Amino acid sequence: FLNWVNLPSEQLKRVDELYSMVETFKKQTGNKKLSVMGIGGSKHTVEHMLGINGLNICHDVVDFYSDVDSISLNRFLARLGDITSSNFMIASKSGSTFETKDGFLRVQQMLIDAYIAKGQSQEEAEKSTAKHFIAVTDANSEKSELRRTSIANGWLGDLFIHDDVGGRFSAFDDHALFTLIWAGMKKEDMIKMLNSAQEISELALSDDLELNDALKEAIFWADAKLNGIEASVHQYMGSMFENTVYWHAQM
């Protein structure tokens, strides 16, 4: 449950690998857009990280889909235009989350159909389609249906949702970092961000109240709760926080 506490320091070891993987993924299709298919923490943490880092501000580099209704799907497809113009990151710890799996299967078939319409055979279309996908899921194929799908179809790379890192605590897991890189975050900024996050995480574990602002806030709200004071609504002002609201609701 607490593996997210030291996740930034662990992710520092993988920065070069992640940047290389993004570059390879882009070259496979030549596409400039990434569509993130995930729900809950697999979506809101990524939206939040893009927003506070000033990336994808025109919503033209990264798109999101996490719904199952026909209206949302049609609007998503309208934003994409040509279905082959986007790569897709499928994010699900188990790989069997209904909303994510439903969206993936629909898009996968649309891509196959699009390539067949361009004159490819079924086998060629399936191979072309596989170049559009990358999975972020449990490393263990016995636990994750999505990992098994990724292996069976020859998808690129090994992106993980790490053990004992719940979705709402996954802001520095592979799905968020990979998307930040895709959207243009410089490597030096990525390293600075992860180092800073680890520093704050360590401060939040300190028993020195003068250093630990998180503990101060926790004491304040615990005392308020014990004394019958209702928590107020948190309002994040400014466009950089427009997606933080959804993440806060998860938390």
C-alpha atoms as a PDB file:
ATOM      1  CA  PHE A   1       0.000   0.000   0.000  1.00  0.00           C
ATOM      2  CA  LEU A   2       2.863   2.418   0.779  1.00  0.00           C
ATOM      3  CA  ASN A   3       5.138   1.692  -2.175  1.00  0.00           C
ATOM      4  CA  TRP A   4       4.216   5.082  -3.644  1.00  0.00           C
ATOM      5  CA  VAL A   5       6.169   6.779  -0.825  1.00  0.00           C
ATOM      6  CA  ASN A   6       9.521   5.942  -2.431  1.00  0.00           C
ATOM      7  CA  LEU A   7       8.266   5.583  -6.006  1.00  0.00           C
ATOM      8  CA  PRO A   8       9.908   8.824  -7.256  1.00  0.00           C
ATOM      9  CA  SER A   9      13.381   7.602  -6.281  1.00  0.00           C
ATOM     10  CA  GLU A  10      12.715   4.242  -7.920  1.00  0.00           C
ATOM     11  CA  GLN A  11      11.501   5.926 -11.091  1.00  0.00           C
ATOM     12  CA  LEU A  12      14.689   7.981 -11.333  1.00  0.00           C
ATOM     13  CA  LYS A  13      16.426   4.725 -12.267  1.00  0.00           C
ATOM     14  CA  ARG A  14      14.150   4.337 -15.309  1.00  0.00           C
ATOM     15  CA  VAL A  15      14.169   7.839 -16.790  1.00  0.00           C
ATOM     16  CA  ASP A  16      16.471   7.025 -19.727  1.00  0.00           C
ATOM     17  CA  GLU A  17      14.536   3.847 -20.479  1.00  0.00           C
ATOM     18  CA  LEU A  18      11.194   5.681 -20.513  1.00  0.00           C
ATOM     19  CA  TYR A  19      12.449   8.429 -22.821  1.00  0.00           C
ATOM     20  CA  SER A  20      13.830   5.830 -25.207  1.00  0.00           C
ATOM     21  CA  MET A  21      10.530   3.924 -25.155  1.00  0.00           C
ATOM     22  CA  VAL A  22       8.514   7.053 -25.994  1.00  0.00           C
ATOM     23  CA  GLU A  23      10.794   7.790 -28.944  1.00  0.00           C
ATOM     24  CA  THR A  24      10.469   4.235 -30.262  1.00  0.00           C
ATOM     25  CA  PHE A  25       6.691   4.271 -29.822  1.00  0.00           C
ATOM     26  CA  LYS A  26       6.399   7.494 -31.822  1.00  0.00           C
ATOM     27  CA  LYS A  27       8.578   6.168 -34.625  1.00  0.00           C
ATOM     28  CA  GLN A  28       6.493   2.998 -34.976  1.00  0.00           C
ATOM     29  CA  THR A  29       3.587   4.945 -36.464  1.00  0.00           C
ATOM     30  CA  GLY A  30       4.862   8.502 -36.957  1.00  0.00           C
ATOM     31  CA  ASN A  31       1.930   9.763 -34.887  1.00  0.00           C
ATOM     32  CA  LYS A  32       2.117  12.868 -32.721  1.00  0.00           C
ATOM     33  CA  LYS A  33      -0.995  12.173 -30.606  1.00  0.00           C
ATOM     34  CA  LEU A  34      -1.302   9.791 -27.665  1.00  0.00           C
ATOM     35  CA  SER A  35      -4.700   8.651 -26.415  1.00  0.00           C
ATOM     36  CA  VAL A  36      -4.742   7.471 -22.808  1.00  0.00           C
ATOM     37  CA  MET A  37      -7.381   4.845 -22.102  1.00  0.00           C
ATOM     38  CA  GLY A  38      -7.888   4.337 -18.381  1.00  0.00           C
ATOM     39  CA  ILE A  39     -10.265   5.232 -15.587  1.00  0.00           C
ATOM     40  CA  GLY A  40      -9.926   6.711 -12.095  1.00  0.00           C
ATOM     41  CA  GLY A  41      -6.301   7.028 -11.012  1.00  0.00           C
ATOM     42  CA  SER A  42      -5.128   5.817 -14.415  1.00  0.00           C
ATOM     43  CA  LYS A  43      -6.681   8.972 -15.913  1.00  0.00           C
ATOM     44  CA  HIS A  44      -6.986  11.735 -13.308  1.00  0.00           C
ATOM     45  CA  THR A  45      -3.393  11.541 -12.045  1.00  0.00           C
ATOM     46  CA  VAL A  46      -2.149  11.926 -15.626  1.00  0.00           C
ATOM     47  CA  GLU A  47      -4.491  14.856 -16.356  1.00  0.00           C
ATOM     48  CA  HIS A  48      -3.327  16.531 -13.145  1.00  0.00           C
ATOM     49  CA  MET A  49       0.371  16.059 -13.916  1.00  0.00           C
ATOM     50  CA  LEU A  50      -0.032  17.472 -17.423  1.00  0.00           C
ATOM     51  CA  GLY A  51      -1.946  20.473 -16.098  1.00  0.00           C
ATOM     52  CA  ILE A  52       0.440  21.535 -13.355  1.00  0.00           C
ATOM     53  CA  ASN A  53       3.437  21.110 -15.674  1.00  0.00           C
ATOM     54  CA  GLY A  54       1.891  23.265 -18.418  1.00  0.00           C
ATOM     55  CA  LEU A  55       1.818  20.483 -21.001  1.00  0.00           C
ATOM     56  CA  ASN A  56      -0.921  19.646 -23.521  1.00  0.00           C
ATOM     57  CA  ILE A  57      -2.549  23.012 -22.833  1.00  0.00           C
ATOM     58  CA  CYS A  58      -4.212  22.975 -26.279  1.00  0.00           C
ATOM     59  CA  HIS A  59      -5.341  19.352 -25.772  1.00  0.00           C
ATOM     60  CA  ASP A  60      -3.783  18.512 -29.131  1.00  0.00           C
ATOM     61  CA  VAL A  61      -1.012  16.127 -28.040  1.00  0.00           C
ATOM     62  CA  VAL A  62      -2.752  13.909 -25.480  1.00  0.00           C
ATOM     63  CA  ASP A  63      -6.399  12.849 -25.368  1.00  0.00           C
ATOM     64  CA  PHE A  64      -8.300  10.690 -22.882  1.00  0.00           C
ATOM     65  CA  TYR A  65     -11.075   8.155 -23.098  1.00  0.00           C
ATOM     66  CA  SER A  66     -12.618   6.308 -20.144  1.00  0.00           C
ATOM     67  CA  ASP A  67     -16.316   5.995 -20.965  1.00  0.00           C
ATOM     68  CA  VAL A  68     -18.660   3.397 -22.400  1.00  0.00           C
ATOM     69  CA  ASP A  69     -21.591   5.473 -23.688  1.00  0.00           C
ATOM     70  CA  SER A  70     -21.983   6.062 -27.417  1.00  0.00           C
ATOM     71  CA  ILE A  71     -22.036   9.869 -27.173  1.00  0.00           C
ATOM     72  CA  SER A  72     -18.665  10.020 -25.409  1.00  0.00           C
ATOM     73  CA  LEU A  73     -17.179   7.537 -27.850  1.00  0.00           C
ATOM     74  CA  ASN A  74     -18.394   9.524 -30.861  1.00  0.00           C
ATOM     75  CA  ARG A  75     -16.985  12.746 -29.427  1.00  0.00           C
ATOM     76  CA  PHE A  76     -13.653  11.049 -28.764  1.00  0.00           C
ATOM     77  CA  LEU A  77     -13.553   9.730 -32.334  1.00  0.00           C
ATOM     78  CA  ALA A  78     -14.509  13.164 -33.688  1.00  0.00           C
ATOM     79  CA  ARG A  79     -11.513  14.686 -31.880  1.00  0.00           C
ATOM     80  CA  LEU A  80      -9.193  12.057 -33.339  1.00  0.00           C
ATOM     81  CA  GLY A  81     -10.499  12.231 -36.884  1.00  0.00           C
ATOM     82  CA  ASP A  82      -8.518   9.455 -38.565  1.00  0.00           C
ATOM     83  CA  ILE A  83      -8.315   6.619 -36.024  1.00  0.00           C
ATOM     84  CA  THR A  84      -4.844   5.714 -37.336  1.00  0.00           C
ATOM     85  CA  SER A  85      -3.534   9.195 -36.423  1.00  0.00           C
ATOM     86  CA  SER A  86      -3.184   8.338 -32.720  1.00  0.00           C
ATOM     87  CA  ASN A  87      -1.225   5.895 -30.595  1.00  0.00           C
ATOM     88  CA  PHE A  88      -2.971   4.416 -27.566  1.00  0.00           C
ATOM     89  CA  MET A  89      -1.768   3.767 -24.041  1.00  0.00           C
ATOM     90  CA  ILE A  90      -4.001   1.275 -22.230  1.00  0.00           C
ATOM     91  CA  ALA A  91      -3.700   1.683 -18.454  1.00  0.00           C
ATOM     92  CA  SER A  92      -5.215  -0.873 -16.095  1.00  0.00           C
ATOM     93  CA  LYS A  93      -3.634  -2.690 -13.156  1.00  0.00           C
ATOM     94  CA  SER A  94      -5.604  -5.902 -13.708  1.00  0.00           C
ATOM     95  CA  GLY A  95      -6.109  -5.402 -17.409  1.00  0.00           C
ATOM     96  CA  SER A  96      -9.738  -6.388 -17.077  1.00  0.00           C
ATOM     97  CA  THR A  97     -11.335  -3.103 -15.931  1.00  0.00           C
ATOM     98  CA  PHE A  98     -14.567  -3.029 -17.915  1.00  0.00           C
ATOM     99  CA  GLU A  99     -14.548   0.568 -19.163  1.00  0.00           C
ATOM    100  CA  THR A 100     -10.891   0.420 -20.243  1.00  0.00           C
ATOM    101  CA  LYS A 101     -11.206  -3.001 -21.880  1.00  0.00           C
ATOM    102  CA  ASP A 102     -14.373  -1.988 -23.718  1.00  0.00           C
ATOM    103  CA  GLY A 103     -12.736   1.129 -25.169  1.00  0.00           C
ATOM    104  CA  PHE A 104      -9.591  -0.752 -26.132  1.00  0.00           C
ATOM    105  CA  LEU A 105     -11.458  -3.523 -27.952  1.00  0.00           C
ATOM    106  CA  ARG A 106     -13.566  -1.008 -29.889  1.00  0.00           C
ATOM    107  CA  VAL A 107     -10.536   1.032 -30.975  1.00  0.00           C
ATOM    108  CA  GLN A 108      -8.532  -2.088 -31.811  1.00  0.00           C
ATOM    109  CA  GLN A 109     -11.236  -3.285 -34.219  1.00  0.00           C
ATOM    110  CA  MET A 110     -11.582   0.194 -35.741  1.00  0.00           C
ATOM    111  CA  LEU A 111      -7.855   0.251 -36.468  1.00  0.00           C
ATOM    112  CA  ILE A 112      -7.945  -3.210 -38.051  1.00  0.00           C
ATOM    113  CA  ASP A 113     -10.912  -2.166 -40.203  1.00  0.00           C
ATOM    114  CA  ALA A 114      -9.136   1.058 -41.216  1.00  0.00           C
ATOM    115  CA  TYR A 115      -6.019  -0.778 -42.356  1.00  0.00           C
ATOM    116  CA  ILE A 116      -8.059  -3.374 -44.254  1.00  0.00           C
ATOM    117  CA  ALA A 117      -9.852  -0.491 -45.972  1.00  0.00           C
ATOM    118  CA  LYS A 118      -6.413   0.748 -47.060  1.00  0.00           C
ATOM    119  CA  GLY A 119      -5.785  -2.572 -48.791  1.00  0.00           C
ATOM    120  CA  GLN A 120      -3.995  -4.611 -46.134  1.00  0.00           C
ATOM    121  CA  SER A 121      -4.806  -8.248 -45.428  1.00  0.00           C
ATOM    122  CA  GLN A 122      -6.266  -9.261 -42.052  1.00  0.00           C
ATOM    123  CA  GLU A 123      -2.829 -10.385 -40.848  1.00  0.00           C
ATOM    124  CA  GLU A 124      -1.129  -7.217 -42.078  1.00  0.00           C
ATOM    125  CA  ALA A 125      -3.830  -5.057 -40.486  1.00  0.00           C
ATOM    126  CA  GLU A 126      -3.414  -6.783 -37.139  1.00  0.00           C
ATOM    127  CA  LYS A 127       0.350  -6.210 -37.244  1.00  0.00           C
ATOM    128  CA  SER A 128      -0.115  -2.556 -38.169  1.00  0.00           C
ATOM    129  CA  THR A 129      -2.672  -2.140 -35.391  1.00  0.00           C
ATOM    130  CA  ALA A 130      -0.313  -3.624 -32.790  1.00  0.00           C
ATOM    131  CA  LYS A 131       2.146  -0.773 -33.438  1.00  0.00           C
ATOM    132  CA  HIS A 132      -0.427   1.708 -32.069  1.00  0.00           C
ATOM    133  CA  PHE A 133      -0.678   0.179 -28.576  1.00  0.00           C
ATOM    134  CA  ILE A 134       1.327   0.097 -25.378  1.00  0.00           C
ATOM    135  CA  ALA A 135       0.143  -1.364 -22.068  1.00  0.00           C
ATOM    136  CA  VAL A 136       0.609  -0.059 -18.540  1.00  0.00           C
ATOM    137  CA  THR A 137      -0.378  -2.844 -16.191  1.00  0.00           C
ATOM    138  CA  ASP A 138       0.810  -5.396 -13.660  1.00  0.00           C
ATOM    139  CA  ALA A 139       4.171  -6.890 -14.595  1.00  0.00           C
ATOM    140  CA  ASN A 140       2.868 -10.386 -13.822  1.00  0.00           C
ATOM    141  CA  SER A 141       1.046 -11.876 -16.810  1.00  0.00           C
ATOM    142  CA  GLU A 142      -0.720 -14.333 -14.504  1.00  0.00           C
ATOM    143  CA  LYS A 143      -2.374 -11.397 -12.739  1.00  0.00           C
ATOM    144  CA  SER A 144      -3.012  -9.160 -15.727  1.00  0.00           C
ATOM    145  CA  GLU A 145      -5.124  -9.963 -18.761  1.00  0.00           C
ATOM    146  CA  LEU A 146      -3.750  -6.820 -20.419  1.00  0.00           C
ATOM    147  CA  ARG A 147      -0.153  -8.012 -19.962  1.00  0.00           C
ATOM    148  CA  ARG A 148      -1.086 -11.275 -21.661  1.00  0.00           C
ATOM    149  CA  THR A 149      -2.680  -9.324 -24.515  1.00  0.00           C
ATOM    150  CA  SER A 150       0.420  -7.149 -24.864  1.00  0.00           C
ATOM    151  CA  ILE A 151       2.719 -10.171 -25.046  1.00  0.00           C
ATOM    152  CA  ALA A 152       0.477 -12.087 -27.453  1.00  0.00           C
ATOM    153  CA  ASN A 153       0.251  -9.130 -29.853  1.00  0.00           C
ATOM    154  CA  GLY A 154       3.887  -8.084 -29.632  1.00  0.00           C
ATOM    155  CA  TRP A 155       3.207  -4.619 -28.233  1.00  0.00           C
ATOM    156  CA  LEU A 156       6.159  -2.407 -27.426  1.00  0.00           C
ATOM    157  CA  GLY A 157       7.827  -2.283 -24.057  1.00  0.00           C
ATOM    158  CA  ASP A 158       7.332  -2.900 -20.405  1.00  0.00           C
ATOM    159  CA  LEU A 159       5.368  -0.205 -18.616  1.00  0.00           C
ATOM    160  CA  PHE A 160       4.178  -1.008 -15.106  1.00  0.00           C
ATOM    161  CA  ILE A 161       1.698  -0.012 -12.479  1.00  0.00           C
ATOM    162  CA  HIS A 162       3.933  -0.939  -9.578  1.00  0.00           C
ATOM    163  CA  ASP A 163       2.976  -3.303  -6.784  1.00  0.00           C
ATOM    164  CA  ASP A 164       1.414  -1.630  -3.743  1.00  0.00           C
ATOM    165  CA  VAL A 165       0.802   1.638  -5.616  1.00  0.00           C
ATOM    166  CA  GLY A 166      -2.939   2.272  -5.765  1.00  0.00           C
ATOM    167  CA  GLY A 167      -4.318   4.260  -8.678  1.00  0.00           C
ATOM    168  CA  ARG A 168      -4.988   7.391  -6.648  1.00  0.00           C
ATOM    169  CA  PHE A 169      -1.351   7.388  -5.448  1.00  0.00           C
ATOM    170  CA  SER A 170       0.147   6.728  -8.879  1.00  0.00           C
ATOM    171  CA  ALA A 171       1.064  10.247 -10.038  1.00  0.00           C
ATOM    172  CA  PHE A 172       4.692   9.180 -10.563  1.00  0.00           C
ATOM    173  CA  ASP A 173       4.022   5.729 -11.971  1.00  0.00           C
ATOM    174  CA  ASP A 174       4.751   4.764 -15.583  1.00  0.00           C
ATOM    175  CA  HIS A 175       1.471   5.917 -17.140  1.00  0.00           C
ATOM    176  CA  ALA A 176       1.967   9.479 -15.880  1.00  0.00           C
ATOM    177  CA  LEU A 177       5.695   9.746 -16.626  1.00  0.00           C
ATOM    178  CA  PHE A 178       5.332   8.211 -20.088  1.00  0.00           C
ATOM    179  CA  THR A 179       2.585  10.712 -20.954  1.00  0.00           C
ATOM    180  CA  LEU A 180       4.575  13.670 -19.630  1.00  0.00           C
ATOM    181  CA  ILE A 181       7.506  12.611 -21.809  1.00  0.00           C
ATOM    182  CA  TRP A 182       5.234  12.183 -24.842  1.00  0.00           C
ATOM    183  CA  ALA A 183       3.844  15.692 -24.240  1.00  0.00           C
ATOM    184  CA  GLY A 184       7.319  17.225 -24.258  1.00  0.00           C
ATOM    185  CA  MET A 185       8.724  17.321 -20.720  1.00  0.00           C
ATOM    186  CA  LYS A 186      12.494  17.776 -20.853  1.00  0.00           C
ATOM    187  CA  LYS A 187      14.576  15.057 -19.242  1.00  0.00           C
ATOM    188  CA  GLU A 188      16.264  17.490 -16.855  1.00  0.00           C
ATOM    189  CA  ASP A 189      12.839  18.692 -15.698  1.00  0.00           C
ATOM    190  CA  MET A 190      11.680  15.100 -15.200  1.00  0.00           C
ATOM    191  CA  ILE A 191      14.716  14.378 -13.017  1.00  0.00           C
ATOM    192  CA  LYS A 192      14.223  17.595 -11.038  1.00  0.00           C
ATOM    193  CA  MET A 193      10.542  16.797 -10.498  1.00  0.00           C
ATOM    194  CA  LEU A 194      11.213  13.265  -9.247  1.00  0.00           C
ATOM    195  CA  ASN A 195      13.985  14.411  -6.901  1.00  0.00           C
ATOM    196  CA  SER A 196      11.729  17.135  -5.504  1.00  0.00           C
ATOM    197  CA  ALA A 197       8.841  14.698  -5.046  1.00  0.00           C
ATOM    198  CA  GLN A 198      11.062  12.299  -3.118  1.00  0.00           C
ATOM    199  CA  GLU A 199      12.320  15.144  -0.923  1.00  0.00           C
ATOM    200  CA  ILE A 200       8.747  16.143  -0.053  1.00  0.00           C
ATOM    201  CA  SER A 201       7.819  12.515   0.571  1.00  0.00           C
ATOM    202  CA  GLU A 202      10.646  12.214   3.091  1.00  0.00           C
ATOM    203  CA  LEU A 203       9.579  15.437   4.820  1.00  0.00           C
ATOM    204  CA  ALA A 204       6.067  14.018   5.114  1.00  0.00           C
ATOM    205  CA  LEU A 205       7.500  11.041   7.042  1.00  0.00           C
ATOM    206  CA  SER A 206       9.371  13.233   9.534  1.00  0.00           C
ATOM    207  CA  ASP A 207       8.225  13.337  13.146  1.00  0.00           C
ATOM    208  CA  ASP A 208       9.513  16.927  13.356  1.00  0.00           C
ATOM    209  CA  LEU A 209       6.345  19.013  13.259  1.00  0.00           C
ATOM    210  CA  GLU A 210       8.262  22.101  12.147  1.00  0.00           C
ATOM    211  CA  LEU A 211       9.274  20.301   8.928  1.00  0.00           C
ATOM    212  CA  ASN A 212       6.183  18.214   8.255  1.00  0.00           C
ATOM    213  CA  ASP A 213       3.431  20.410   6.808  1.00  0.00           C
ATOM    214  CA  ALA A 214       1.419  17.355   5.785  1.00  0.00           C
ATOM    215  CA  LEU A 215       1.284  16.200   9.393  1.00  0.00           C
ATOM    216  CA  LYS A 216       0.190  19.664  10.510  1.00  0.00           C
ATOM    217  CA  GLU A 217      -2.714  19.572   8.086  1.00  0.00           C
ATOM    218  CA  ALA A 218      -3.636  16.032   9.160  1.00  0.00           C
ATOM    219  CA  ILE A 219      -3.694  17.111  12.834  1.00  0.00           C
ATOM    220  CA  PHE A 220      -5.835  20.131  11.968  1.00  0.00           C
ATOM    221  CA  TRP A 221      -8.455  18.079  10.113  1.00  0.00           C
ATOM    222  CA  ALA A 222      -8.451  15.283  12.683  1.00  0.00           C
ATOM    223  CA  ASP A 223      -9.038  17.822  15.448  1.00  0.00           C
ATOM    224  CA  ALA A 224     -11.807  19.461  13.408  1.00  0.00           C
ATOM    225  CA  LYS A 225     -13.495  16.098  12.839  1.00  0.00           C
ATOM    226  CA  LEU A 226     -13.322  15.196  16.534  1.00  0.00           C
ATOM    227  CA  ASN A 227     -14.934  18.526  17.385  1.00  0.00           C
ATOM    228  CA  GLY A 228     -17.781  18.226  14.898  1.00  0.00           C
ATOM    229  CA  ILE A 229     -16.424  20.713  12.372  1.00  0.00           C
ATOM    230  CA  GLU A 230     -17.324  19.758   8.800  1.00  0.00           C
ATOM    231  CA  ALA A 231     -14.585  19.885   6.173  1.00  0.00           C
ATOM    232  CA  SER A 232     -14.997  22.652   3.629  1.00  0.00           C
ATOM    233  CA  VAL A 233     -15.039  22.163  -0.111  1.00  0.00           C
ATOM    234  CA  HIS A 234     -11.585  22.471  -1.663  1.00  0.00           C
ATOM    235  CA  GLN A 235     -11.602  24.853  -4.611  1.00  0.00           C
ATOM    236  CA  TYR A 236      -8.550  24.961  -6.834  1.00  0.00           C
ATOM    237  CA  MET A 237      -8.339  28.273  -8.667  1.00  0.00           C
ATOM    238  CA  GLY A 238      -6.495  28.667 -11.967  1.00  0.00           C
ATOM    239  CA  SER A 239      -6.437  26.694 -15.204  1.00  0.00           C
ATOM    240  CA  MET A 240      -3.339  24.735 -14.163  1.00  0.00           C
ATOM    241  CA  PHE A 241      -5.505  22.998 -11.542  1.00  0.00           C
ATOM    242  CA  GLU A 242      -8.562  22.295 -13.686  1.00  0.00           C
ATOM    243  CA  ASN A 243      -7.922  18.536 -13.559  1.00  0.00           C
ATOM    244  CA  THR A 244      -6.623  18.482  -9.985  1.00  0.00           C
ATOM    245  CA  VAL A 245     -10.230  18.607  -8.786  1.00  0.00           C
ATOM    246  CA  TYR A 246     -10.912  15.141 -10.181  1.00  0.00           C
ATOM    247  CA  TRP A 247      -7.762  13.732  -8.611  1.00  0.00           C
ATOM    248  CA  HIS A 248      -8.654  15.321  -5.275  1.00  0.00           C
ATOM    249  CA  ALA A 249     -12.050  13.614  -5.423  1.00  0.00           C
ATOM    250  CA  GLN A 250     -10.228  10.293  -5.877  1.00  0.00           C
ATOM    251  CA  MET A 251      -8.017  11.016  -2.893  1.00  0.00           C
END
